[in-house]
Structures are given as structure tokens and as C-alpha cells.
């Protein structure tokens, strides 16, 4: 019960700013979905199958340097991807990318 209540509270905190912010015509819906799903994951929730595609798209962005995983290059590329969602605040995108930007494989 506590888990369900926590997920509902986290979801309402995450969705609230998205609802009050108008969507932009040039938003990348996949990037917006990735922000929402990964922020929910950070809050302890799980979007289930609906989020798995958004998460897979985000974690498929990988950069290599001299044949090795490039932490900063991958993080920068993933941050650029999240920034394609203009209707979500930069603070949310930054916190998501700070947590997951340099992770080689998704959670």
C-alpha cells in the first residue's frame, strides 16, 4: 500500500508540471516520454511496458571513444536528446541526465 501511495504521489508531482506547461509543436514526443518515464523511475515508480520503449531509446544512445564507452560523450548526446522536449523544465531533464546519462546499460 505504501508503495502504491508513493508511486501515485511521485506520479502526480511529475505529471503536474507537464500538464501546466503547454506542449510545443516541435517537441520530440519520444524525448518527452523518456524524461517522464526516467523521472518516475528515479522516484521509485515503474511505467511498465509503456515506458520500456522510451527507456530503450534513451539508453540506445551510446558514444565510444577509441573503442571504449565514452562517459561524457554519451551523457552529452543523451542530454541533447532530452533537450528535444522543450515542454519539460531544464531542471527535470538535467536531474534525469545526471542520474542516467553516463550509465552504459539501462536499469
C-alpha atoms as a PDB file:
ATOM      1  CA  UNK A   1       0.000   0.000   0.000  1.00  0.00           C
ATOM      2  CA  UNK A   2       2.826   2.396   0.864  1.00  0.00           C
ATOM      3  CA  UNK A   3       4.479   1.638  -2.463  1.00  0.00           C
ATOM      4  CA  UNK A   4       1.298   2.360  -4.398  1.00  0.00           C
ATOM      5  CA  UNK A   5       0.732   5.588  -2.488  1.00  0.00           C
ATOM      6  CA  UNK A   6       4.339   6.619  -3.078  1.00  0.00           C
ATOM      7  CA  UNK A   7       4.073   5.916  -6.793  1.00  0.00           C
ATOM      8  CA  UNK A   8       0.848   7.892  -7.072  1.00  0.00           C
ATOM      9  CA  UNK A   9       2.365  10.825  -5.204  1.00  0.00           C
ATOM     10  CA  UNK A  10       5.528  10.732  -7.306  1.00  0.00           C
ATOM     11  CA  UNK A  11       3.478  10.474 -10.476  1.00  0.00           C
ATOM     12  CA  UNK A  12       1.340  13.453  -9.558  1.00  0.00           C
ATOM     13  CA  UNK A  13       4.431  15.512  -8.758  1.00  0.00           C
ATOM     14  CA  UNK A  14       5.969  14.623 -12.107  1.00  0.00           C
ATOM     15  CA  UNK A  15       2.856  14.986 -14.233  1.00  0.00           C
ATOM     16  CA  UNK A  16       1.729  18.265 -12.656  1.00  0.00           C
ATOM     17  CA  UNK A  17       4.439  20.411 -14.261  1.00  0.00           C
ATOM     18  CA  UNK A  18       3.906  18.667 -17.583  1.00  0.00           C
ATOM     19  CA  UNK A  19       0.189  19.372 -17.580  1.00  0.00           C
ATOM     20  CA  UNK A  20       0.595  23.029 -16.701  1.00  0.00           C
ATOM     21  CA  UNK A  21       3.256  23.549 -19.361  1.00  0.00           C
ATOM     22  CA  UNK A  22       1.983  23.869 -22.905  1.00  0.00           C
ATOM     23  CA  UNK A  23       3.344  21.349 -25.377  1.00  0.00           C
ATOM     24  CA  UNK A  24       5.449  22.764 -28.144  1.00  0.00           C
ATOM     25  CA  UNK A  25       4.824  21.813 -31.750  1.00  0.00           C
ATOM     26  CA  UNK A  26       8.491  20.961 -32.191  1.00  0.00           C
ATOM     27  CA  UNK A  27       8.650  18.676 -29.135  1.00  0.00           C
ATOM     28  CA  UNK A  28      10.080  15.228 -29.715  1.00  0.00           C
ATOM     29  CA  UNK A  29       7.435  13.002 -28.104  1.00  0.00           C
ATOM     30  CA  UNK A  30       9.954  10.200 -27.559  1.00  0.00           C
ATOM     31  CA  UNK A  31      12.256  12.554 -25.673  1.00  0.00           C
ATOM     32  CA  UNK A  32       9.356  13.812 -23.542  1.00  0.00           C
ATOM     33  CA  UNK A  33       8.337  10.222 -22.805  1.00  0.00           C
ATOM     34  CA  UNK A  34      11.899   9.388 -21.802  1.00  0.00           C
ATOM     35  CA  UNK A  35      12.024  12.325 -19.377  1.00  0.00           C
ATOM     36  CA  UNK A  36       8.707  11.383 -17.797  1.00  0.00           C
ATOM     37  CA  UNK A  37       9.484   7.670 -17.514  1.00  0.00           C
ATOM     38  CA  UNK A  38      13.030   8.082 -16.220  1.00  0.00           C
ATOM     39  CA  UNK A  39      11.977  10.741 -13.706  1.00  0.00           C
ATOM     40  CA  UNK A  40       9.310   8.330 -12.486  1.00  0.00           C
ATOM     41  CA  UNK A  41      11.936   5.599 -12.228  1.00  0.00           C
ATOM     42  CA  UNK A  42      14.095   7.926 -10.121  1.00  0.00           C
ATOM     43  CA  UNK A  43      11.121   8.459  -7.810  1.00  0.00           C
ATOM     44  CA  UNK A  44      10.762   4.712  -7.334  1.00  0.00           C
ATOM     45  CA  UNK A  45       7.998   4.090  -9.841  1.00  0.00           C
ATOM     46  CA  UNK A  46       7.820   1.970 -12.927  1.00  0.00           C
ATOM     47  CA  UNK A  47       5.966   2.797 -16.093  1.00  0.00           C
ATOM     48  CA  UNK A  48       5.924  -0.827 -17.114  1.00  0.00           C
ATOM     49  CA  UNK A  49       5.693  -1.705 -20.786  1.00  0.00           C
ATOM     50  CA  UNK A  50       4.599   1.780 -21.754  1.00  0.00           C
ATOM     51  CA  UNK A  51       7.926   3.175 -20.597  1.00  0.00           C
ATOM     52  CA  UNK A  52      10.177   0.392 -21.840  1.00  0.00           C
ATOM     53  CA  UNK A  53      10.333   1.822 -25.372  1.00  0.00           C
ATOM     54  CA  UNK A  54      11.152   5.332 -24.186  1.00  0.00           C
ATOM     55  CA  UNK A  55      13.836   3.988 -21.856  1.00  0.00           C
ATOM     56  CA  UNK A  56      15.285   1.777 -24.601  1.00  0.00           C
ATOM     57  CA  UNK A  57      15.509   4.765 -26.968  1.00  0.00           C
ATOM     58  CA  UNK A  58      17.348   6.801 -24.330  1.00  0.00           C
ATOM     59  CA  UNK A  59      19.800   4.033 -23.398  1.00  0.00           C
ATOM     60  CA  UNK A  60      20.440   3.167 -27.053  1.00  0.00           C
ATOM     61  CA  UNK A  61      22.263   6.499 -27.369  1.00  0.00           C
ATOM     62  CA  UNK A  62      25.862   5.450 -26.773  1.00  0.00           C
ATOM     63  CA  UNK A  63      29.133   7.085 -27.776  1.00  0.00           C
ATOM     64  CA  UNK A  64      32.516   5.403 -27.968  1.00  0.00           C
ATOM     65  CA  UNK A  65      35.995   6.902 -27.999  1.00  0.00           C
ATOM     66  CA  UNK A  66      38.882   4.755 -29.229  1.00  0.00           C
ATOM     67  CA  UNK A  67      36.685   1.667 -28.899  1.00  0.00           C
ATOM     68  CA  UNK A  68      35.709   2.323 -25.278  1.00  0.00           C
ATOM     69  CA  UNK A  69      32.484   3.594 -23.759  1.00  0.00           C
ATOM     70  CA  UNK A  70      32.703   7.393 -23.578  1.00  0.00           C
ATOM     71  CA  UNK A  71      31.046   8.596 -20.357  1.00  0.00           C
ATOM     72  CA  UNK A  72      30.939  12.301 -21.160  1.00  0.00           C
ATOM     73  CA  UNK A  73      30.169  11.836 -24.855  1.00  0.00           C
ATOM     74  CA  UNK A  74      27.259   9.532 -24.072  1.00  0.00           C
ATOM     75  CA  UNK A  75      25.954  11.847 -21.358  1.00  0.00           C
ATOM     76  CA  UNK A  76      26.149  14.865 -23.674  1.00  0.00           C
ATOM     77  CA  UNK A  77      24.380  13.032 -26.506  1.00  0.00           C
ATOM     78  CA  UNK A  78      21.635  11.815 -24.175  1.00  0.00           C
ATOM     79  CA  UNK A  79      21.260  15.327 -22.765  1.00  0.00           C
ATOM     80  CA  UNK A  80      20.869  16.696 -26.294  1.00  0.00           C
ATOM     81  CA  UNK A  81      18.171  14.084 -26.900  1.00  0.00           C
ATOM     82  CA  UNK A  82      16.254  15.069 -23.740  1.00  0.00           C
ATOM     83  CA  UNK A  83      16.539  18.739 -24.692  1.00  0.00           C
ATOM     84  CA  UNK A  84      14.401  17.993 -27.754  1.00  0.00           C
ATOM     85  CA  UNK A  85      11.479  18.060 -25.311  1.00  0.00           C
ATOM     86  CA  UNK A  86      11.019  21.782 -24.780  1.00  0.00           C
ATOM     87  CA  UNK A  87       7.830  21.499 -22.722  1.00  0.00           C
ATOM     88  CA  UNK A  88       9.651  19.951 -19.744  1.00  0.00           C
ATOM     89  CA  UNK A  89      11.764  22.138 -17.490  1.00  0.00           C
ATOM     90  CA  UNK A  90      15.526  22.021 -17.744  1.00  0.00           C
ATOM     91  CA  UNK A  91      15.838  21.042 -14.088  1.00  0.00           C
ATOM     92  CA  UNK A  92      13.957  17.780 -14.645  1.00  0.00           C
ATOM     93  CA  UNK A  93      15.927  16.956 -17.774  1.00  0.00           C
ATOM     94  CA  UNK A  94      19.182  17.760 -16.010  1.00  0.00           C
ATOM     95  CA  UNK A  95      18.399  15.588 -12.990  1.00  0.00           C
ATOM     96  CA  UNK A  96      17.429  12.648 -15.221  1.00  0.00           C
ATOM     97  CA  UNK A  97      20.597  13.002 -17.274  1.00  0.00           C
ATOM     98  CA  UNK A  98      22.749  13.433 -14.164  1.00  0.00           C
ATOM     99  CA  UNK A  99      21.490  10.088 -12.883  1.00  0.00           C
ATOM    100  CA  UNK A 100      21.377   8.080 -16.118  1.00  0.00           C
ATOM    101  CA  UNK A 101      23.425   9.999 -18.701  1.00  0.00           C
ATOM    102  CA  UNK A 102      26.666   8.092 -18.235  1.00  0.00           C
ATOM    103  CA  UNK A 103      25.145   4.695 -17.424  1.00  0.00           C
ATOM    104  CA  UNK A 104      26.269   2.194 -20.041  1.00  0.00           C
ATOM    105  CA  UNK A 105      23.226  -0.072 -19.781  1.00  0.00           C
ATOM    106  CA  UNK A 106      19.752   0.844 -18.591  1.00  0.00           C
ATOM    107  CA  UNK A 107      18.464  -0.121 -15.166  1.00  0.00           C
END
